[in-house]
């Protein structure tokens, strides 16, 4: 049974790569990003953290492919190493958001009754709060380290995943295999962990992947506002540092902005493609 499921999933994945241009572009984009992360020390000739004497050197001048910023740091090296920050933020914050959404939404949908009522009200309350302003307040109060930023993004973006998981749990608890498990005497916790959560997470996975794009944008926005971690290389930090040199050093902000936009597009394409792959009702015919 498990082997058949794996074969079916693998077949749909391969079919999606062949016929879904968006999904294929997303997968290729992620592979390129991962290769850049791994090969960063080989692809760059300058330490992005080191300051140099050549400030605001133009594109291609003095061995700097994309020029330098006002502190003499190589822009190309900063761009390549900035991928690590973006992917780290995207992955960890999305894992936090996905895990919270799956557990909370699964509990609400499966147990129902007062449990569902209370959790649903909490979810609705979170959805009504302007998320970005909440993140601003928390970061301002507890510090702007990259760890804090990732955790805050994760704990403020779970309600959407919880609503998806709740809807899945409400449907799954009426299925025959779940009722059979109840008849056989399995506890509610066992049923939740063995049947509800594993079978209901697929829409959440797709939504969480799209959430990675939002996480990258949020981190870049915080850095642009001066609330990012100053001890790391970040595209948002580059845009923030370069905004005062848009005339004399336009390349500092421009390339960081382009990199952010392209990465966000990659994760949106990947998320939409995963939604097609994991949705059995979607056909590639």
Protein backbone atom coordinates (compact mmCIF):
# COMPACT_ATOMS: atom_id res chain seq x y z
CA UNK A 1 0.00 0.00 0.00
CA UNK A 2 2.74 2.43 1.03
CA UNK A 3 4.82 1.42 -2.00
CA UNK A 4 1.88 2.10 -4.30
CA UNK A 5 1.36 5.54 -2.74
CA UNK A 6 5.04 6.38 -3.15
CA UNK A 7 5.00 5.24 -6.78
CA UNK A 8 1.86 7.31 -7.46
CA UNK A 9 3.39 10.40 -5.85
CA UNK A 10 6.63 9.93 -7.80
CA UNK A 11 4.68 9.49 -11.03
CA UNK A 12 2.68 12.69 -10.44
CA UNK A 13 5.89 14.56 -9.59
CA UNK A 14 7.54 13.46 -12.84
CA UNK A 15 4.38 14.25 -14.77
CA UNK A 16 4.27 17.71 -13.21
CA UNK A 17 7.89 18.37 -14.18
CA UNK A 18 7.08 17.47 -17.79
CA UNK A 19 3.76 19.28 -18.22
CA UNK A 20 3.63 22.07 -15.62
CA UNK A 21 5.92 24.90 -16.72
CA UNK A 22 5.45 26.85 -13.52
CA UNK A 23 6.35 23.90 -11.32
CA UNK A 24 9.34 23.05 -13.50
CA UNK A 25 10.57 26.65 -13.29
CA UNK A 26 10.13 26.58 -9.50
CA UNK A 27 12.09 23.33 -9.09
CA UNK A 28 14.90 24.56 -11.35
CA UNK A 29 14.98 27.86 -9.47
CA UNK A 30 15.30 26.13 -6.08
CA UNK A 31 18.07 23.87 -7.41
CA UNK A 32 19.98 26.93 -8.66
CA UNK A 33 19.57 28.66 -5.28
CA UNK A 34 20.83 25.58 -3.42
CA UNK A 35 23.82 25.27 -5.75
CA UNK A 36 24.68 28.93 -5.16
CA UNK A 37 24.53 28.36 -1.41
CA UNK A 38 26.83 25.32 -1.57
CA UNK A 39 29.25 26.80 -4.12
CA UNK A 40 29.36 30.32 -2.65
CA UNK A 41 33.00 30.07 -1.48
CA UNK A 42 34.04 28.94 -4.97
CA UNK A 43 31.92 31.42 -6.94
CA UNK A 44 33.06 34.48 -4.98
CA UNK A 45 36.54 35.98 -4.74
CA UNK A 46 35.87 38.51 -1.96
CA UNK A 47 34.78 38.08 1.64
CA UNK A 48 31.39 39.81 1.83
CA UNK A 49 32.00 40.80 5.46
CA UNK A 50 35.29 42.57 4.76
CA UNK A 51 35.44 46.31 4.17
CA UNK A 52 37.70 47.54 1.38
CA UNK A 53 39.28 50.80 0.30
CA UNK A 54 37.31 50.96 -2.96
CA UNK A 55 33.93 52.42 -2.01
CA UNK A 56 31.13 52.72 -4.59
CA UNK A 57 33.24 51.22 -7.35
CA UNK A 58 31.15 50.78 -10.51
CA UNK A 59 30.08 47.54 -12.19
CA UNK A 60 33.07 45.60 -13.54
CA UNK A 61 35.65 48.01 -12.18
CA UNK A 62 38.75 46.89 -10.23
CA UNK A 63 37.73 43.24 -10.33
CA UNK A 64 34.30 43.80 -8.75
CA UNK A 65 31.70 42.17 -11.00
CA UNK A 66 28.73 44.16 -9.61
CA UNK A 67 30.70 46.96 -8.00
CA UNK A 68 31.01 47.77 -4.28
CA UNK A 69 28.93 49.56 -1.67
CA UNK A 70 29.84 52.67 0.35
CA UNK A 71 31.90 50.52 2.75
CA UNK A 72 33.91 48.87 -0.01
CA UNK A 73 32.16 45.48 0.28
CA UNK A 74 31.82 43.48 -2.93
CA UNK A 75 28.15 43.55 -4.03
CA UNK A 76 28.33 40.29 -6.00
CA UNK A 77 29.72 38.39 -2.99
CA UNK A 78 27.07 39.90 -0.73
CA UNK A 79 24.34 38.84 -3.15
CA UNK A 80 25.55 35.23 -3.28
CA UNK A 81 25.99 34.92 0.48
CA UNK A 82 22.66 36.69 1.04
CA UNK A 83 20.92 33.65 -0.44
CA UNK A 84 21.84 31.72 2.71
CA UNK A 85 20.01 34.19 4.91
CA UNK A 86 16.91 34.21 2.71
CA UNK A 87 16.68 30.43 2.50
CA UNK A 88 17.34 30.02 6.24
CA UNK A 89 14.57 32.47 7.10
CA UNK A 90 12.19 30.90 4.59
CA UNK A 91 12.82 27.32 5.73
CA UNK A 92 12.81 27.74 9.51
CA UNK A 93 9.93 30.21 9.75
CA UNK A 94 7.84 28.07 7.38
CA UNK A 95 8.59 24.92 9.38
CA UNK A 96 7.41 26.68 12.54
CA UNK A 97 4.30 28.00 10.78
CA UNK A 98 3.53 24.64 9.19
CA UNK A 99 4.02 22.63 12.38
CA UNK A 100 1.83 24.98 14.45
CA UNK A 101 -0.85 25.09 11.76
CA UNK A 102 -0.96 21.30 11.32
CA UNK A 103 -1.18 20.54 15.05
CA UNK A 104 -3.60 23.31 16.04
CA UNK A 105 -5.83 22.92 12.98
CA UNK A 106 -5.81 19.14 13.23
CA UNK A 107 -6.84 19.21 16.89
CA UNK A 108 -9.62 21.74 16.20
CA UNK A 109 -11.09 19.85 13.26
CA UNK A 110 -10.83 16.37 14.73
CA UNK A 111 -12.07 16.97 18.26
CA UNK A 112 -14.73 19.52 17.25
CA UNK A 113 -17.20 20.92 19.78
CA UNK A 114 -15.92 23.46 22.30
CA UNK A 115 -12.30 22.71 21.38
CA UNK A 116 -12.98 23.65 17.78
CA UNK A 117 -14.96 26.73 18.83
CA UNK A 118 -12.19 28.09 21.07
CA UNK A 119 -9.38 27.39 18.60
CA UNK A 120 -11.38 28.84 15.69
CA UNK A 121 -11.90 32.06 17.63
CA UNK A 122 -8.17 32.25 18.36
CA UNK A 123 -7.39 31.70 14.68
CA UNK A 124 -9.86 34.42 13.66
CA UNK A 125 -8.37 36.80 16.22
CA UNK A 126 -4.88 36.23 14.79
CA UNK A 127 -6.17 36.76 11.25
CA UNK A 128 -7.65 40.13 12.21
CA UNK A 129 -4.34 41.41 13.60
CA UNK A 130 -2.12 43.24 11.05
CA UNK A 131 0.67 40.66 10.98
CA UNK A 132 3.51 42.89 9.82
CA UNK A 133 2.85 45.50 12.51
CA UNK A 134 2.73 42.74 15.12
CA UNK A 135 6.11 41.52 13.88
CA UNK A 136 7.47 45.08 14.09
CA UNK A 137 6.36 45.39 17.70
CA UNK A 138 7.77 42.00 18.76
CA UNK A 139 11.12 42.60 17.04
CA UNK A 140 11.38 46.07 18.56
CA UNK A 141 10.70 44.66 22.04
CA UNK A 142 12.74 41.45 21.98
CA UNK A 143 15.59 42.26 19.60
CA UNK A 144 16.32 41.92 15.91
CA UNK A 145 18.60 38.88 15.84
CA UNK A 146 18.00 36.58 12.89
CA UNK A 147 16.76 33.85 15.27
CA UNK A 148 14.11 36.20 16.70
CA UNK A 149 13.05 37.27 13.21
CA UNK A 150 12.58 33.66 12.05
CA UNK A 151 10.63 32.68 15.16
CA UNK A 152 8.40 35.76 15.01
CA UNK A 153 7.58 35.23 11.33
CA UNK A 154 6.78 31.59 12.05
CA UNK A 155 4.48 32.21 15.04
CA UNK A 156 2.56 34.97 13.26
CA UNK A 157 1.90 33.12 9.99
CA UNK A 158 0.38 29.83 11.21
CA UNK A 159 -3.39 30.73 11.14
CA UNK A 160 -3.71 30.19 7.39
CA UNK A 161 -2.19 26.72 7.70
CA UNK A 162 -4.40 25.97 10.70
CA UNK A 163 -7.58 26.80 8.76
CA UNK A 164 -6.51 24.51 5.92
CA UNK A 165 -5.68 21.67 8.31
CA UNK A 166 -8.93 22.16 10.23
CA UNK A 167 -10.94 21.81 7.01
CA UNK A 168 -9.02 18.64 6.15
CA UNK A 169 -9.58 17.17 9.62
CA UNK A 170 -13.32 17.91 9.51
CA UNK A 171 -13.54 15.94 6.27
CA UNK A 172 -11.23 13.09 7.27
CA UNK A 173 -12.94 12.33 10.58
CA UNK A 174 -16.04 11.26 8.64
CA UNK A 175 -14.11 8.81 6.45
CA UNK A 176 -14.65 5.07 6.78
CA UNK A 177 -11.07 4.24 7.80
CA UNK A 178 -11.24 6.73 10.70
CA UNK A 179 -14.56 5.34 11.93
CA UNK A 180 -13.12 1.84 11.66
CA UNK A 181 -10.20 2.90 13.85
CA UNK A 182 -12.67 4.24 16.44
CA UNK A 183 -14.57 0.93 16.37
CA UNK A 184 -11.33 -0.98 16.89
CA UNK A 185 -10.72 0.93 20.11
CA UNK A 186 -7.89 3.23 19.10
CA UNK A 187 -7.61 6.39 21.20
CA UNK A 188 -8.33 9.82 19.78
CA UNK A 189 -4.66 10.75 20.06
CA UNK A 190 -3.66 7.65 18.09
CA UNK A 191 -6.26 8.37 15.40
CA UNK A 192 -5.16 12.01 15.17
CA UNK A 193 -1.48 11.11 14.80
CA UNK A 194 -1.90 8.02 12.59
CA UNK A 195 -4.75 8.98 10.27
CA UNK A 196 -5.80 12.63 10.45
CA UNK A 197 -2.50 14.51 10.39
CA UNK A 198 -0.62 12.34 7.84
CA UNK A 199 -3.53 12.37 5.39
CA UNK A 200 -4.43 16.03 5.79
CA UNK A 201 -1.09 17.81 5.53
CA UNK A 202 -0.77 17.97 1.74
CA UNK A 203 -2.58 21.30 1.18
CA UNK A 204 -0.61 22.70 4.11
CA UNK A 205 2.68 21.67 2.50
CA UNK A 206 1.80 23.59 -0.67
CA UNK A 207 0.62 26.61 1.31
CA UNK A 208 3.73 26.54 3.51
CA UNK A 209 5.94 26.54 0.42
CA UNK A 210 4.20 29.68 -0.81
CA UNK A 211 4.63 31.04 2.71
CA UNK A 212 8.40 30.85 2.22
CA UNK A 213 8.09 33.66 -0.31
CA UNK A 214 6.21 35.78 2.23
CA UNK A 215 8.85 35.04 4.87
CA UNK A 216 11.62 36.25 2.55
CA UNK A 217 9.71 39.44 1.82
CA UNK A 218 9.02 40.03 5.52
CA UNK A 219 12.69 39.64 6.47
CA UNK A 220 13.72 41.95 3.63
CA UNK A 221 11.12 44.52 4.74
CA UNK A 222 12.33 44.41 8.34
CA UNK A 223 15.94 44.86 7.20
CA UNK A 224 14.92 47.71 4.90
CA UNK A 225 13.35 49.45 7.89
CA UNK A 226 16.54 49.02 9.90
CA UNK A 227 15.13 46.22 12.08
CA UNK A 228 17.12 43.36 10.57
CA UNK A 229 20.10 41.61 12.11
CA UNK A 230 23.17 43.81 11.40
CA UNK A 231 25.54 40.86 11.90
CA UNK A 232 24.46 38.96 8.79
CA UNK A 233 24.48 39.50 5.04
CA UNK A 234 20.93 40.11 3.90
CA UNK A 235 19.38 41.44 0.70
CA UNK A 236 17.13 43.67 2.78
CA UNK A 237 20.19 45.10 4.55
CA UNK A 238 21.76 45.79 1.15
CA UNK A 239 18.67 47.68 -0.01
CA UNK A 240 18.61 49.61 3.28
CA UNK A 241 22.30 50.51 3.03
CA UNK A 242 22.07 51.46 -0.64
CA UNK A 243 18.99 53.69 -0.47
CA UNK A 244 21.16 56.70 0.34
CA UNK A 245 23.28 56.14 -2.79
CA UNK A 246 20.63 55.62 -5.46
CA UNK A 247 22.32 58.18 -7.73
CA UNK A 248 25.99 57.44 -7.15
CA UNK A 249 25.68 53.73 -6.37
CA UNK A 250 22.36 52.51 -7.77
CA UNK A 251 23.70 48.96 -8.19
CA UNK A 252 23.88 48.33 -4.44
CA UNK A 253 20.10 48.34 -3.97
CA UNK A 254 19.02 47.37 -7.47
CA UNK A 255 20.60 43.93 -7.68
CA UNK A 256 19.51 43.04 -4.15
CA UNK A 257 15.94 44.02 -5.04
CA UNK A 258 16.01 41.96 -8.24
CA UNK A 259 17.38 38.93 -6.34
CA UNK A 260 14.60 39.22 -3.76
CA UNK A 261 11.88 39.43 -6.42
CA UNK A 262 13.22 36.46 -8.39
CA UNK A 263 13.52 34.29 -5.27
CA UNK A 264 9.99 35.14 -4.19
CA UNK A 265 8.70 34.22 -7.66
CA UNK A 266 10.55 30.88 -7.51
CA UNK A 267 8.84 29.87 -4.26
CA UNK A 268 5.42 30.99 -5.49
CA UNK A 269 5.85 28.88 -8.62
CA UNK A 270 7.04 25.92 -6.55
CA UNK A 271 4.11 26.26 -4.14
CA UNK A 272 1.54 26.37 -6.94
CA UNK A 273 3.16 23.36 -8.57
CA UNK A 274 3.15 21.38 -5.33
CA UNK A 275 -0.52 22.22 -4.92
CA UNK A 276 -1.17 20.56 -8.28
CA UNK A 277 1.04 17.56 -7.49
CA UNK A 278 -0.50 16.92 -4.07
CA UNK A 279 -4.07 17.49 -5.21
CA UNK A 280 -5.44 14.17 -6.53
CA UNK A 281 -8.33 15.99 -8.23
CA UNK A 282 -5.95 17.96 -10.46
CA UNK A 283 -5.28 16.34 -13.82
CA UNK A 284 -2.35 16.98 -16.18
CA UNK A 285 -4.18 15.49 -19.16
